[in-house]
């Protein structure tokens, strides 16, 4: 199956999710003061929208689904508070039949670690302004957008991305110190507004050796990866 046929396949997983999903899983969780957050998300098929929100203490989930509701747990008994969300498996049912549409907002002021495993679909993660500890993203099959603009940089923050199959676009502010190292598969890569060092290392204009920065390690996989270093 060629790349264009793959795109048509995973786009079909996302289309019509609102029409086919009969139920909504809605939850709100309150973060403890001075806590950190570990978020673990695993979605097999559908769409995923994650956004940071300022001046709030709550985590909010609104997940549209048909069939079995997602699995979700939250533990705020100690720091870091831990949120785990996953798509429940249904044997004998096609991916298209169990696709879900996730909309999740996280408070941006808490230091946050994210581990996200995505299957087939379309994904948008807006982490602009977040205070991050680390990001581990397995993009799976689909279109993925990751916005790291204006992330709060107080230390070296590891951001590990497996591009999987499909297309990925990563946004970074020119004023955000960042270093990008590529591990190229058979896909394509393009960079806008970045400084090339050697053959596989890129930097933003704000990067300075010995100071805190975003440390991106990207495995391109199959498909296309774009990194855009933009003005705020």
N, C-alpha and C. Protein backbone atom coordinates (compact mmCIF):
# COMPACT_ATOMS: atom_id res chain seq x y z
N UNK A 1 0.86 -1.19 0.00
CA UNK A 1 0.00 0.00 0.00
C UNK A 1 0.89 1.24 0.00
N UNK A 2 0.65 2.15 -0.96
CA UNK A 2 1.49 3.33 -1.03
C UNK A 2 1.06 4.37 -0.02
N UNK A 3 1.86 5.48 0.06
CA UNK A 3 1.62 6.48 1.11
C UNK A 3 0.27 7.16 0.94
N UNK A 4 -0.14 7.48 -0.29
CA UNK A 4 -1.42 8.15 -0.48
C UNK A 4 -2.59 7.26 -0.06
N UNK A 5 -2.50 5.97 -0.32
CA UNK A 5 -3.55 5.06 0.11
C UNK A 5 -3.59 4.94 1.63
N UNK A 6 -2.42 4.98 2.26
CA UNK A 6 -2.38 4.97 3.72
C UNK A 6 -3.07 6.20 4.28
N UNK A 7 -2.84 7.38 3.67
CA UNK A 7 -3.48 8.60 4.14
C UNK A 7 -4.99 8.48 4.06
N UNK A 8 -5.51 7.93 2.94
CA UNK A 8 -6.95 7.77 2.81
C UNK A 8 -7.49 6.82 3.87
N UNK A 9 -6.72 5.79 4.20
CA UNK A 9 -7.15 4.83 5.21
C UNK A 9 -7.28 5.47 6.57
N UNK A 10 -6.22 6.17 7.05
CA UNK A 10 -6.33 6.71 8.42
C UNK A 10 -7.26 7.91 8.48
N UNK A 11 -7.47 8.62 7.36
CA UNK A 11 -8.45 9.70 7.38
C UNK A 11 -9.86 9.17 7.56
N UNK A 12 -10.11 7.96 7.07
CA UNK A 12 -11.43 7.37 7.24
C UNK A 12 -11.72 7.02 8.68
N UNK A 13 -10.67 6.80 9.49
CA UNK A 13 -10.86 6.50 10.90
C UNK A 13 -11.40 7.72 11.64
N UNK A 14 -11.01 8.91 11.20
CA UNK A 14 -11.42 10.13 11.90
C UNK A 14 -12.73 10.69 11.39
N UNK A 15 -13.06 10.50 10.13
CA UNK A 15 -14.25 11.11 9.56
C UNK A 15 -15.51 10.51 10.16
N UNK A 16 -16.50 11.38 10.42
CA UNK A 16 -17.79 10.91 10.90
C UNK A 16 -17.83 10.47 12.33
N UNK A 17 -16.80 10.78 13.12
CA UNK A 17 -16.77 10.31 14.51
C UNK A 17 -17.94 10.85 15.31
N UNK A 18 -18.30 12.13 15.09
CA UNK A 18 -19.41 12.71 15.84
C UNK A 18 -20.72 12.03 15.51
N UNK A 19 -20.90 11.67 14.22
CA UNK A 19 -22.16 11.07 13.81
C UNK A 19 -22.32 9.67 14.37
N UNK A 20 -21.22 8.92 14.43
CA UNK A 20 -21.32 7.53 14.83
C UNK A 20 -21.24 7.35 16.34
N UNK A 21 -20.63 8.29 17.06
CA UNK A 21 -20.47 8.15 18.50
C UNK A 21 -21.76 8.57 19.20
N UNK A 22 -22.32 7.66 19.98
CA UNK A 22 -23.59 7.90 20.64
C UNK A 22 -23.43 8.38 22.07
N UNK A 23 -22.27 8.17 22.66
CA UNK A 23 -22.07 8.46 24.07
C UNK A 23 -20.90 9.43 24.26
N UNK A 24 -20.93 10.12 25.41
CA UNK A 24 -19.82 11.00 25.78
C UNK A 24 -19.35 10.61 27.18
N UNK A 25 -18.06 10.44 27.30
CA UNK A 25 -17.40 10.20 28.58
C UNK A 25 -16.83 11.53 29.04
N UNK A 26 -17.39 12.12 30.09
CA UNK A 26 -17.00 13.45 30.54
C UNK A 26 -16.51 13.37 31.98
N UNK A 27 -15.29 13.88 32.21
CA UNK A 27 -14.71 13.86 33.55
C UNK A 27 -13.95 15.16 33.80
N UNK A 28 -13.89 15.55 35.08
CA UNK A 28 -13.07 16.68 35.50
C UNK A 28 -12.33 16.28 36.77
N UNK A 29 -11.04 16.55 36.82
CA UNK A 29 -10.21 16.20 37.97
C UNK A 29 -9.47 17.44 38.44
N UNK A 30 -9.38 17.59 39.75
CA UNK A 30 -8.68 18.73 40.33
C UNK A 30 -7.26 18.34 40.72
N UNK A 31 -6.30 19.13 40.26
CA UNK A 31 -4.91 18.92 40.63
C UNK A 31 -4.66 19.43 42.04
N UNK A 32 -3.77 18.77 42.75
CA UNK A 32 -3.35 19.25 44.06
C UNK A 32 -2.36 20.41 43.88
N UNK A 33 -2.41 21.37 44.81
CA UNK A 33 -1.48 22.50 44.74
C UNK A 33 -0.04 22.01 44.82
N UNK A 34 0.82 22.64 44.04
CA UNK A 34 2.26 22.35 44.03
C UNK A 34 2.59 20.93 43.55
N UNK A 35 1.64 20.28 42.92
CA UNK A 35 1.89 18.93 42.40
C UNK A 35 2.45 19.00 40.98
N UNK A 36 2.97 17.87 40.51
CA UNK A 36 3.31 17.70 39.12
C UNK A 36 2.33 16.69 38.52
N UNK A 37 2.33 16.58 37.20
CA UNK A 37 1.37 15.71 36.53
C UNK A 37 2.09 14.76 35.57
N UNK A 38 1.73 13.48 35.66
CA UNK A 38 2.12 12.49 34.66
C UNK A 38 0.87 12.09 33.89
N UNK A 39 0.89 12.31 32.58
CA UNK A 39 -0.25 11.93 31.74
C UNK A 39 0.17 10.79 30.82
N UNK A 40 -0.63 9.72 30.83
CA UNK A 40 -0.41 8.57 29.95
C UNK A 40 -1.67 8.40 29.10
N UNK A 41 -1.55 8.50 27.79
CA UNK A 41 -2.70 8.34 26.90
C UNK A 41 -2.40 7.32 25.83
N UNK A 42 -3.39 6.47 25.55
CA UNK A 42 -3.24 5.44 24.51
C UNK A 42 -4.54 5.33 23.73
N UNK A 43 -4.51 5.77 22.48
CA UNK A 43 -5.70 5.76 21.63
C UNK A 43 -5.42 4.93 20.39
N UNK A 44 -6.26 3.90 20.17
CA UNK A 44 -6.05 3.01 19.04
C UNK A 44 -6.49 3.60 17.72
N UNK A 45 -7.68 4.20 17.68
CA UNK A 45 -8.21 4.74 16.43
C UNK A 45 -9.17 5.88 16.72
N UNK A 46 -9.07 6.96 15.95
CA UNK A 46 -9.97 8.09 16.12
C UNK A 46 -9.24 9.41 15.99
N UNK A 47 -9.62 10.38 16.81
CA UNK A 47 -8.96 11.69 16.81
C UNK A 47 -8.65 12.09 18.25
N UNK A 48 -7.59 12.88 18.38
CA UNK A 48 -7.08 13.25 19.70
C UNK A 48 -6.75 14.73 19.69
N UNK A 49 -7.37 15.50 20.58
CA UNK A 49 -7.08 16.92 20.72
C UNK A 49 -6.69 17.18 22.17
N UNK A 50 -5.47 17.66 22.35
CA UNK A 50 -4.96 17.97 23.69
C UNK A 50 -4.53 19.42 23.70
N UNK A 51 -4.96 20.17 24.72
CA UNK A 51 -4.61 21.58 24.79
C UNK A 51 -4.31 21.98 26.23
N UNK A 52 -3.43 22.95 26.39
CA UNK A 52 -3.12 23.50 27.70
C UNK A 52 -3.98 24.73 27.95
N UNK A 53 -4.38 24.94 29.21
CA UNK A 53 -5.23 26.06 29.58
C UNK A 53 -4.59 26.78 30.76
N UNK A 54 -4.52 28.10 30.69
CA UNK A 54 -3.91 28.87 31.77
C UNK A 54 -4.91 29.19 32.86
N UNK A 55 -4.38 29.44 34.07
CA UNK A 55 -5.15 29.92 35.22
C UNK A 55 -6.27 28.97 35.64
N UNK A 56 -6.04 27.66 35.50
CA UNK A 56 -7.00 26.68 36.01
C UNK A 56 -6.24 25.59 36.76
N UNK A 57 -6.97 24.86 37.63
CA UNK A 57 -6.38 23.75 38.37
C UNK A 57 -6.91 22.40 37.89
N UNK A 58 -7.86 22.42 36.97
CA UNK A 58 -8.58 21.18 36.64
C UNK A 58 -8.14 20.60 35.30
N UNK A 59 -8.25 19.27 35.24
CA UNK A 59 -8.09 18.50 34.01
C UNK A 59 -9.49 18.16 33.52
N UNK A 60 -9.74 18.36 32.24
CA UNK A 60 -11.08 18.11 31.70
C UNK A 60 -11.02 17.18 30.50
N UNK A 61 -11.90 16.18 30.51
CA UNK A 61 -11.96 15.21 29.42
C UNK A 61 -13.38 15.17 28.86
N UNK A 62 -13.48 15.15 27.55
CA UNK A 62 -14.75 14.92 26.86
C UNK A 62 -14.43 13.97 25.71
N UNK A 63 -14.83 12.71 25.86
CA UNK A 63 -14.49 11.67 24.89
C UNK A 63 -15.77 11.12 24.28
N UNK A 64 -15.91 11.29 22.98
CA UNK A 64 -17.05 10.72 22.26
C UNK A 64 -16.68 9.29 21.84
N UNK A 65 -17.60 8.35 22.05
CA UNK A 65 -17.31 6.95 21.75
C UNK A 65 -18.59 6.22 21.39
N UNK A 66 -18.43 5.08 20.76
CA UNK A 66 -19.52 4.14 20.58
C UNK A 66 -19.03 2.77 21.05
N UNK A 67 -19.93 2.02 21.66
CA UNK A 67 -19.51 0.74 22.23
C UNK A 67 -19.00 0.92 23.64
N UNK A 68 -17.81 0.39 23.90
CA UNK A 68 -17.25 0.39 25.25
C UNK A 68 -16.59 1.73 25.56
N UNK A 69 -16.90 2.27 26.74
CA UNK A 69 -16.32 3.56 27.11
C UNK A 69 -14.83 3.44 27.39
N UNK A 70 -14.08 4.54 27.29
CA UNK A 70 -12.64 4.48 27.54
C UNK A 70 -12.33 4.16 28.99
N UNK A 71 -11.12 3.69 29.21
CA UNK A 71 -10.63 3.42 30.56
C UNK A 71 -9.89 4.65 31.07
N UNK A 72 -10.21 5.09 32.30
CA UNK A 72 -9.62 6.32 32.81
C UNK A 72 -9.40 6.19 34.31
N UNK A 73 -8.24 6.64 34.78
CA UNK A 73 -7.96 6.68 36.22
C UNK A 73 -7.15 7.92 36.55
N UNK A 74 -7.38 8.46 37.75
CA UNK A 74 -6.63 9.64 38.20
C UNK A 74 -6.28 9.46 39.67
N UNK A 75 -5.01 9.65 39.98
CA UNK A 75 -4.51 9.50 41.34
C UNK A 75 -3.82 10.80 41.75
N UNK A 76 -4.41 11.51 42.70
CA UNK A 76 -3.80 12.75 43.20
C UNK A 76 -3.40 12.63 44.66
N UNK A 77 -3.14 11.38 45.09
CA UNK A 77 -2.76 11.15 46.49
C UNK A 77 -1.33 11.56 46.77
N UNK A 78 -0.53 11.70 45.73
CA UNK A 78 0.86 12.12 45.91
C UNK A 78 1.31 12.80 44.62
N UNK A 79 2.47 13.42 44.67
CA UNK A 79 3.04 14.06 43.49
C UNK A 79 4.10 13.15 42.87
N UNK A 80 4.09 12.93 41.58
CA UNK A 80 3.17 13.56 40.63
C UNK A 80 1.78 12.94 40.66
N UNK A 81 0.75 13.77 40.44
CA UNK A 81 -0.58 13.24 40.17
C UNK A 81 -0.49 12.48 38.85
N UNK A 82 -1.25 11.37 38.75
CA UNK A 82 -1.14 10.51 37.58
C UNK A 82 -2.51 10.36 36.91
N UNK A 83 -2.58 10.71 35.63
CA UNK A 83 -3.79 10.52 34.83
C UNK A 83 -3.48 9.51 33.72
N UNK A 84 -4.30 8.44 33.66
CA UNK A 84 -4.15 7.43 32.62
C UNK A 84 -5.47 7.30 31.86
N UNK A 85 -5.39 7.42 30.55
CA UNK A 85 -6.57 7.29 29.69
C UNK A 85 -6.22 6.35 28.55
N UNK A 86 -7.08 5.38 28.28
CA UNK A 86 -6.83 4.47 27.18
C UNK A 86 -8.14 4.03 26.54
N UNK A 87 -8.03 3.68 25.28
CA UNK A 87 -9.19 3.16 24.56
C UNK A 87 -9.35 1.69 24.91
N UNK A 88 -10.51 1.32 25.45
CA UNK A 88 -10.76 -0.07 25.82
C UNK A 88 -10.84 -0.93 24.57
N UNK A 89 -10.29 -2.13 24.67
CA UNK A 89 -10.28 -3.02 23.52
C UNK A 89 -11.61 -3.75 23.40
N UNK A 90 -12.01 -4.01 22.17
CA UNK A 90 -13.22 -4.76 21.89
C UNK A 90 -12.89 -5.82 20.85
N UNK A 91 -12.81 -7.06 21.26
CA UNK A 91 -12.44 -8.12 20.34
C UNK A 91 -13.54 -8.34 19.30
N UNK A 92 -13.10 -8.61 18.09
CA UNK A 92 -14.05 -8.91 17.03
C UNK A 92 -14.68 -7.69 16.39
N UNK A 93 -14.21 -6.48 16.74
CA UNK A 93 -14.76 -5.26 16.19
C UNK A 93 -13.67 -4.52 15.42
N UNK A 94 -14.01 -3.99 14.25
CA UNK A 94 -13.00 -3.30 13.45
C UNK A 94 -12.59 -2.00 14.12
N UNK A 95 -11.41 -1.48 13.76
CA UNK A 95 -10.96 -0.18 14.27
C UNK A 95 -11.99 0.91 14.00
N UNK A 96 -12.52 0.88 12.77
CA UNK A 96 -13.46 1.93 12.40
C UNK A 96 -14.70 1.89 13.29
N UNK A 97 -15.06 0.70 13.75
CA UNK A 97 -16.24 0.56 14.59
C UNK A 97 -16.04 1.03 16.01
N UNK A 98 -14.79 1.16 16.46
CA UNK A 98 -14.54 1.55 17.86
C UNK A 98 -13.79 2.87 17.97
N UNK A 99 -13.71 3.60 16.89
CA UNK A 99 -12.96 4.85 16.94
C UNK A 99 -13.58 5.82 17.94
N UNK A 100 -12.74 6.65 18.54
CA UNK A 100 -13.17 7.59 19.56
C UNK A 100 -12.64 8.98 19.23
N UNK A 101 -13.27 9.98 19.81
CA UNK A 101 -12.83 11.36 19.62
C UNK A 101 -12.54 11.94 20.99
N UNK A 102 -11.24 12.18 21.25
CA UNK A 102 -10.80 12.67 22.55
C UNK A 102 -10.56 14.18 22.50
N UNK A 103 -11.10 14.87 23.49
CA UNK A 103 -10.79 16.28 23.73
C UNK A 103 -10.38 16.42 25.19
N UNK A 104 -9.13 16.78 25.41
CA UNK A 104 -8.58 16.83 26.77
C UNK A 104 -7.87 18.17 26.96
N UNK A 105 -8.14 18.82 28.09
CA UNK A 105 -7.40 20.03 28.44
C UNK A 105 -6.66 19.81 29.74
N UNK A 106 -5.43 20.32 29.79
CA UNK A 106 -4.57 20.20 30.97
C UNK A 106 -4.19 21.60 31.45
N UNK A 107 -4.09 21.79 32.77
CA UNK A 107 -3.63 23.11 33.27
C UNK A 107 -2.15 23.29 32.94
N UNK A 108 -1.81 24.46 32.40
CA UNK A 108 -0.45 24.64 31.90
C UNK A 108 0.56 24.94 32.99
N UNK A 109 0.09 25.32 34.19
CA UNK A 109 1.03 25.80 35.21
C UNK A 109 1.73 24.68 35.99
N UNK A 110 1.26 23.43 35.85
CA UNK A 110 1.87 22.33 36.59
C UNK A 110 2.94 21.64 35.74
N UNK A 111 4.12 21.38 36.30
CA UNK A 111 5.12 20.64 35.54
C UNK A 111 4.56 19.29 35.11
N UNK A 112 4.62 19.01 33.81
CA UNK A 112 3.89 17.88 33.24
C UNK A 112 4.79 17.00 32.40
N UNK A 113 4.63 15.68 32.59
CA UNK A 113 5.27 14.68 31.73
C UNK A 113 4.16 13.99 30.93
N UNK A 114 4.37 13.84 29.62
CA UNK A 114 3.38 13.22 28.77
C UNK A 114 3.96 12.01 28.05
N UNK A 115 3.22 10.90 28.12
CA UNK A 115 3.54 9.72 27.32
C UNK A 115 2.29 9.37 26.54
N UNK A 116 2.36 9.52 25.22
CA UNK A 116 1.17 9.37 24.39
C UNK A 116 1.47 8.39 23.27
N UNK A 117 0.63 7.34 23.19
CA UNK A 117 0.72 6.34 22.12
C UNK A 117 -0.54 6.46 21.27
N UNK A 118 -0.35 6.77 20.00
CA UNK A 118 -1.47 7.00 19.10
C UNK A 118 -1.47 5.95 17.99
N UNK A 119 -2.66 5.48 17.67
CA UNK A 119 -2.79 4.47 16.63
C UNK A 119 -3.05 5.09 15.27
N UNK A 120 -4.30 4.99 14.79
CA UNK A 120 -4.65 5.49 13.46
C UNK A 120 -5.67 6.61 13.58
N UNK A 121 -5.37 7.76 12.97
CA UNK A 121 -6.31 8.87 13.02
C UNK A 121 -5.61 10.20 12.85
N UNK A 122 -6.24 11.26 13.36
CA UNK A 122 -5.70 12.62 13.28
C UNK A 122 -5.54 13.18 14.69
N UNK A 123 -4.41 13.89 14.92
CA UNK A 123 -4.06 14.28 16.28
C UNK A 123 -3.53 15.71 16.32
N UNK A 124 -3.93 16.43 17.37
CA UNK A 124 -3.48 17.80 17.56
C UNK A 124 -3.15 18.00 19.03
N UNK A 125 -1.88 18.26 19.31
CA UNK A 125 -1.42 18.47 20.68
C UNK A 125 -0.86 19.88 20.80
N UNK A 126 -1.61 20.75 21.47
CA UNK A 126 -1.20 22.14 21.65
C UNK A 126 -0.63 22.30 23.06
N UNK A 127 0.69 22.26 23.16
CA UNK A 127 1.38 22.36 24.45
C UNK A 127 1.99 23.75 24.64
N UNK A 128 1.54 24.70 23.88
CA UNK A 128 2.07 26.06 23.96
C UNK A 128 1.86 26.63 25.36
N UNK A 129 2.94 27.13 25.95
CA UNK A 129 2.86 27.74 27.27
C UNK A 129 2.95 26.78 28.42
N UNK A 130 3.05 25.47 28.15
CA UNK A 130 3.08 24.50 29.24
C UNK A 130 4.45 24.44 29.90
N UNK A 131 4.42 24.07 31.17
CA UNK A 131 5.64 23.82 31.92
C UNK A 131 5.89 22.31 31.83
N UNK A 132 6.78 21.91 30.94
CA UNK A 132 6.97 20.50 30.63
C UNK A 132 8.16 19.90 31.37
N UNK A 133 8.00 18.62 31.76
CA UNK A 133 9.13 17.84 32.25
C UNK A 133 9.72 16.98 31.14
N UNK A 134 8.83 16.32 30.38
CA UNK A 134 9.28 15.53 29.24
C UNK A 134 8.06 15.16 28.39
N UNK A 135 8.34 14.80 27.14
CA UNK A 135 7.30 14.38 26.21
C UNK A 135 7.79 13.14 25.48
N UNK A 136 6.94 12.11 25.45
CA UNK A 136 7.24 10.87 24.73
C UNK A 136 6.04 10.59 23.83
N UNK A 137 6.22 10.75 22.53
CA UNK A 137 5.10 10.65 21.60
C UNK A 137 5.37 9.59 20.54
N UNK A 138 4.46 8.62 20.46
CA UNK A 138 4.47 7.63 19.39
C UNK A 138 3.29 7.96 18.49
N UNK A 139 3.56 8.51 17.30
CA UNK A 139 2.50 9.09 16.48
C UNK A 139 1.70 8.07 15.69
N UNK A 140 2.15 6.85 15.57
CA UNK A 140 1.37 5.83 14.88
C UNK A 140 1.14 6.14 13.41
N UNK A 141 -0.12 5.98 12.96
CA UNK A 141 -0.49 6.18 11.56
C UNK A 141 -1.47 7.33 11.48
N UNK A 142 -1.09 8.43 10.84
CA UNK A 142 -2.03 9.54 10.73
C UNK A 142 -1.35 10.88 10.61
N UNK A 143 -2.18 11.92 10.63
CA UNK A 143 -1.69 13.30 10.62
C UNK A 143 -1.58 13.78 12.06
N UNK A 144 -0.43 14.36 12.40
CA UNK A 144 -0.19 14.79 13.78
C UNK A 144 0.41 16.19 13.78
N UNK A 145 -0.13 17.03 14.67
CA UNK A 145 0.41 18.39 14.86
C UNK A 145 0.80 18.54 16.32
N UNK A 146 2.03 18.98 16.56
CA UNK A 146 2.54 19.19 17.91
C UNK A 146 3.03 20.62 18.04
N UNK A 147 2.41 21.39 18.94
CA UNK A 147 2.78 22.79 19.12
C UNK A 147 3.52 22.95 20.44
N UNK A 148 4.80 23.27 20.35
CA UNK A 148 5.65 23.49 21.52
C UNK A 148 6.00 24.97 21.68
N UNK A 149 5.29 25.83 21.00
CA UNK A 149 5.58 27.26 21.06
C UNK A 149 5.47 27.78 22.49
N UNK A 150 6.43 28.56 22.89
CA UNK A 150 6.41 29.22 24.20
C UNK A 150 6.33 28.26 25.38
N UNK A 151 6.79 27.04 25.20
CA UNK A 151 6.90 26.13 26.34
C UNK A 151 7.85 26.73 27.37
N UNK A 152 7.54 26.50 28.64
CA UNK A 152 8.37 27.05 29.72
C UNK A 152 9.63 26.19 29.85
N UNK A 153 10.78 26.79 29.63
CA UNK A 153 12.05 26.06 29.61
C UNK A 153 12.87 26.45 30.83
N UNK A 154 12.90 25.56 31.83
CA UNK A 154 13.68 25.83 33.03
C UNK A 154 14.79 24.79 33.23
N UNK A 155 14.86 23.82 32.34
CA UNK A 155 15.86 22.76 32.39
C UNK A 155 15.91 22.11 31.01
N UNK A 156 16.76 21.12 30.83
CA UNK A 156 16.76 20.37 29.58
C UNK A 156 15.55 19.45 29.58
N UNK A 157 14.69 19.61 28.58
CA UNK A 157 13.44 18.85 28.51
C UNK A 157 13.51 17.87 27.35
N UNK A 158 13.54 16.56 27.63
CA UNK A 158 13.57 15.58 26.54
C UNK A 158 12.21 15.47 25.85
N UNK A 159 12.24 15.54 24.53
CA UNK A 159 11.03 15.36 23.71
C UNK A 159 11.35 14.29 22.67
N UNK A 160 10.84 13.08 22.88
CA UNK A 160 11.11 11.95 21.99
C UNK A 160 9.89 11.70 21.11
N UNK A 161 10.10 11.71 19.79
CA UNK A 161 9.00 11.59 18.84
C UNK A 161 9.30 10.46 17.87
N UNK A 162 8.36 9.52 17.77
CA UNK A 162 8.42 8.48 16.75
C UNK A 162 7.38 8.85 15.70
N UNK A 163 7.83 9.25 14.52
CA UNK A 163 6.93 9.76 13.51
C UNK A 163 5.99 8.74 12.89
N UNK A 164 6.29 7.45 13.00
CA UNK A 164 5.40 6.42 12.48
C UNK A 164 5.16 6.55 10.99
N UNK A 165 3.88 6.38 10.60
CA UNK A 165 3.47 6.45 9.20
C UNK A 165 2.50 7.61 9.05
N UNK A 166 2.79 8.54 8.17
CA UNK A 166 1.89 9.67 7.97
C UNK A 166 2.67 10.97 7.96
N UNK A 167 2.02 12.05 8.36
CA UNK A 167 2.68 13.34 8.36
C UNK A 167 2.63 13.96 9.74
N UNK A 168 3.70 14.67 10.09
CA UNK A 168 3.79 15.33 11.39
C UNK A 168 4.32 16.74 11.20
N UNK A 169 3.70 17.67 11.92
CA UNK A 169 4.16 19.06 11.90
C UNK A 169 4.42 19.50 13.33
N UNK A 170 5.64 19.99 13.59
CA UNK A 170 6.05 20.43 14.92
C UNK A 170 6.31 21.93 14.87
N UNK A 171 5.65 22.68 15.76
CA UNK A 171 5.81 24.13 15.82
C UNK A 171 6.65 24.51 17.05
N UNK A 172 7.68 25.33 16.83
CA UNK A 172 8.54 25.81 17.91
C UNK A 172 8.76 27.31 17.70
N UNK A 173 8.64 28.08 18.76
CA UNK A 173 8.91 29.51 18.65
C UNK A 173 10.40 29.75 18.40
N UNK A 174 10.72 30.79 17.62
CA UNK A 174 12.11 31.16 17.43
C UNK A 174 12.77 31.58 18.73
N UNK A 175 11.95 32.00 19.70
CA UNK A 175 12.47 32.44 20.98
C UNK A 175 12.57 31.30 22.00
N UNK A 176 12.24 30.07 21.56
CA UNK A 176 12.35 28.90 22.42
C UNK A 176 13.66 28.18 22.12
N UNK A 177 14.56 28.05 23.10
CA UNK A 177 15.80 27.32 22.85
C UNK A 177 15.52 25.84 22.61
N UNK A 178 15.97 25.32 21.48
CA UNK A 178 15.68 23.93 21.14
C UNK A 178 16.79 23.35 20.28
N UNK A 179 17.03 22.06 20.50
CA UNK A 179 17.98 21.29 19.69
C UNK A 179 17.23 20.09 19.13
N UNK A 180 17.39 19.81 17.85
CA UNK A 180 16.66 18.73 17.20
C UNK A 180 17.65 17.77 16.57
N UNK A 181 17.53 16.50 16.93
CA UNK A 181 18.40 15.46 16.36
C UNK A 181 17.53 14.45 15.63
N UNK A 182 17.89 14.13 14.38
CA UNK A 182 17.08 13.25 13.56
C UNK A 182 17.64 11.84 13.52
N UNK A 183 16.71 10.90 13.51
CA UNK A 183 17.03 9.51 13.18
C UNK A 183 16.12 9.17 12.01
N UNK A 184 16.65 9.26 10.83
CA UNK A 184 15.80 9.24 9.63
C UNK A 184 15.50 7.84 9.16
N UNK A 185 14.21 7.58 8.92
CA UNK A 185 13.78 6.34 8.30
C UNK A 185 13.75 6.51 6.79
N UNK A 186 12.63 6.13 6.17
CA UNK A 186 12.52 6.26 4.72
C UNK A 186 11.61 7.43 4.34
N UNK A 187 11.22 8.22 5.33
CA UNK A 187 10.35 9.35 5.07
C UNK A 187 11.14 10.60 4.72
N UNK A 188 10.43 11.74 4.64
CA UNK A 188 11.06 13.02 4.28
C UNK A 188 11.01 13.98 5.46
N UNK A 189 11.91 14.95 5.43
CA UNK A 189 12.02 15.92 6.52
C UNK A 189 12.25 17.30 5.93
N UNK A 190 11.59 18.30 6.53
CA UNK A 190 11.85 19.69 6.13
C UNK A 190 11.89 20.55 7.38
N UNK A 191 12.73 21.58 7.34
CA UNK A 191 12.90 22.47 8.49
C UNK A 191 12.79 23.91 8.01
N UNK A 192 12.05 24.71 8.75
CA UNK A 192 11.90 26.13 8.42
C UNK A 192 12.32 26.98 9.61
N UNK A 193 13.26 27.89 9.40
CA UNK A 193 13.69 28.79 10.45
C UNK A 193 14.66 28.18 11.44
N UNK A 194 15.28 27.04 11.09
CA UNK A 194 16.23 26.36 11.97
C UNK A 194 17.65 26.47 11.41
N UNK A 195 18.62 26.28 12.30
CA UNK A 195 20.03 26.32 11.93
C UNK A 195 20.56 24.90 11.86
N UNK A 196 21.13 24.52 10.73
CA UNK A 196 21.65 23.17 10.54
C UNK A 196 23.09 23.09 11.03
N UNK A 197 23.36 22.04 11.81
CA UNK A 197 24.73 21.75 12.28
C UNK A 197 25.06 20.32 11.89
N UNK A 198 26.01 20.13 11.00
CA UNK A 198 26.30 18.79 10.51
C UNK A 198 25.23 18.36 9.52
N UNK A 199 24.81 17.10 9.61
CA UNK A 199 23.82 16.58 8.67
C UNK A 199 22.48 16.25 9.32
N UNK A 200 22.45 16.09 10.65
CA UNK A 200 21.22 15.64 11.30
C UNK A 200 20.82 16.47 12.51
N UNK A 201 21.60 17.48 12.85
CA UNK A 201 21.30 18.29 14.02
C UNK A 201 20.86 19.69 13.61
N UNK A 202 19.79 20.16 14.26
CA UNK A 202 19.26 21.50 14.01
C UNK A 202 19.10 22.24 15.33
N UNK A 203 19.12 23.57 15.25
CA UNK A 203 18.97 24.41 16.44
C UNK A 203 18.04 25.57 16.11
N UNK A 204 17.36 26.07 17.14
CA UNK A 204 16.66 27.34 16.99
C UNK A 204 17.65 28.48 17.25
N UNK A 205 17.26 29.68 16.87
CA UNK A 205 18.13 30.84 17.07
C UNK A 205 18.40 31.09 18.55
N UNK A 206 17.46 30.69 19.42
CA UNK A 206 17.58 30.98 20.85
C UNK A 206 18.43 29.97 21.60
N UNK A 207 18.83 28.87 20.94
CA UNK A 207 19.60 27.84 21.63
C UNK A 207 21.00 28.35 21.99
N UNK A 208 21.40 28.10 23.24
CA UNK A 208 22.75 28.41 23.70
C UNK A 208 23.28 27.24 24.50
N UNK A 209 24.46 26.78 24.14
CA UNK A 209 25.05 25.63 24.82
C UNK A 209 25.23 25.92 26.31
N UNK A 210 24.83 24.94 27.13
CA UNK A 210 24.96 25.07 28.58
C UNK A 210 23.75 25.66 29.26
N UNK A 211 22.75 26.10 28.49
CA UNK A 211 21.53 26.66 29.06
C UNK A 211 20.36 25.72 28.80
N UNK A 212 19.25 25.84 29.57
CA UNK A 212 18.09 24.96 29.37
C UNK A 212 17.54 25.04 27.95
N UNK A 213 17.03 23.90 27.47
CA UNK A 213 16.48 23.87 26.11
C UNK A 213 15.57 22.65 25.93
N UNK A 214 14.78 22.67 24.87
CA UNK A 214 14.03 21.50 24.44
C UNK A 214 14.97 20.59 23.66
N UNK A 215 15.05 19.35 24.07
CA UNK A 215 15.94 18.38 23.42
C UNK A 215 15.09 17.39 22.63
N UNK A 216 14.85 17.71 21.35
CA UNK A 216 14.00 16.87 20.52
C UNK A 216 14.81 15.80 19.81
N UNK A 217 14.35 14.57 19.95
CA UNK A 217 14.92 13.44 19.22
C UNK A 217 13.79 12.85 18.39
N UNK A 218 13.95 12.89 17.07
CA UNK A 218 12.86 12.54 16.17
C UNK A 218 13.25 11.38 15.27
N UNK A 219 12.44 10.33 15.31
CA UNK A 219 12.56 9.21 14.38
C UNK A 219 11.51 9.44 13.29
N UNK A 220 11.94 9.75 12.10
CA UNK A 220 11.01 10.14 11.04
C UNK A 220 10.12 8.99 10.61
N UNK A 221 10.63 7.77 10.56
CA UNK A 221 9.81 6.64 10.15
C UNK A 221 9.42 6.70 8.69
N UNK A 222 8.11 6.50 8.41
CA UNK A 222 7.59 6.54 7.04
C UNK A 222 6.63 7.72 6.93
N UNK A 223 6.83 8.56 5.96
CA UNK A 223 5.95 9.70 5.81
C UNK A 223 6.73 11.00 5.76
N UNK A 224 6.17 12.04 6.38
CA UNK A 224 6.77 13.37 6.28
C UNK A 224 6.76 14.06 7.64
N UNK A 225 7.88 14.68 8.00
CA UNK A 225 8.00 15.46 9.23
C UNK A 225 8.42 16.87 8.86
N UNK A 226 7.70 17.86 9.37
CA UNK A 226 8.03 19.26 9.19
C UNK A 226 8.24 19.90 10.55
N UNK A 227 9.30 20.69 10.70
CA UNK A 227 9.52 21.47 11.91
C UNK A 227 9.55 22.95 11.52
N UNK A 228 8.71 23.72 12.15
CA UNK A 228 8.58 25.13 11.84
C UNK A 228 9.01 25.95 13.04
N UNK A 229 10.05 26.74 12.89
CA UNK A 229 10.49 27.67 13.93
C UNK A 229 9.96 29.04 13.56
N UNK A 230 9.00 29.54 14.35
CA UNK A 230 8.23 30.70 13.94
C UNK A 230 8.33 31.82 14.95
N UNK A 231 7.96 33.02 14.53
CA UNK A 231 7.80 34.14 15.46
C UNK A 231 6.59 33.89 16.35
N UNK A 232 6.58 34.46 17.56
CA UNK A 232 5.46 34.28 18.47
C UNK A 232 4.19 34.88 17.88
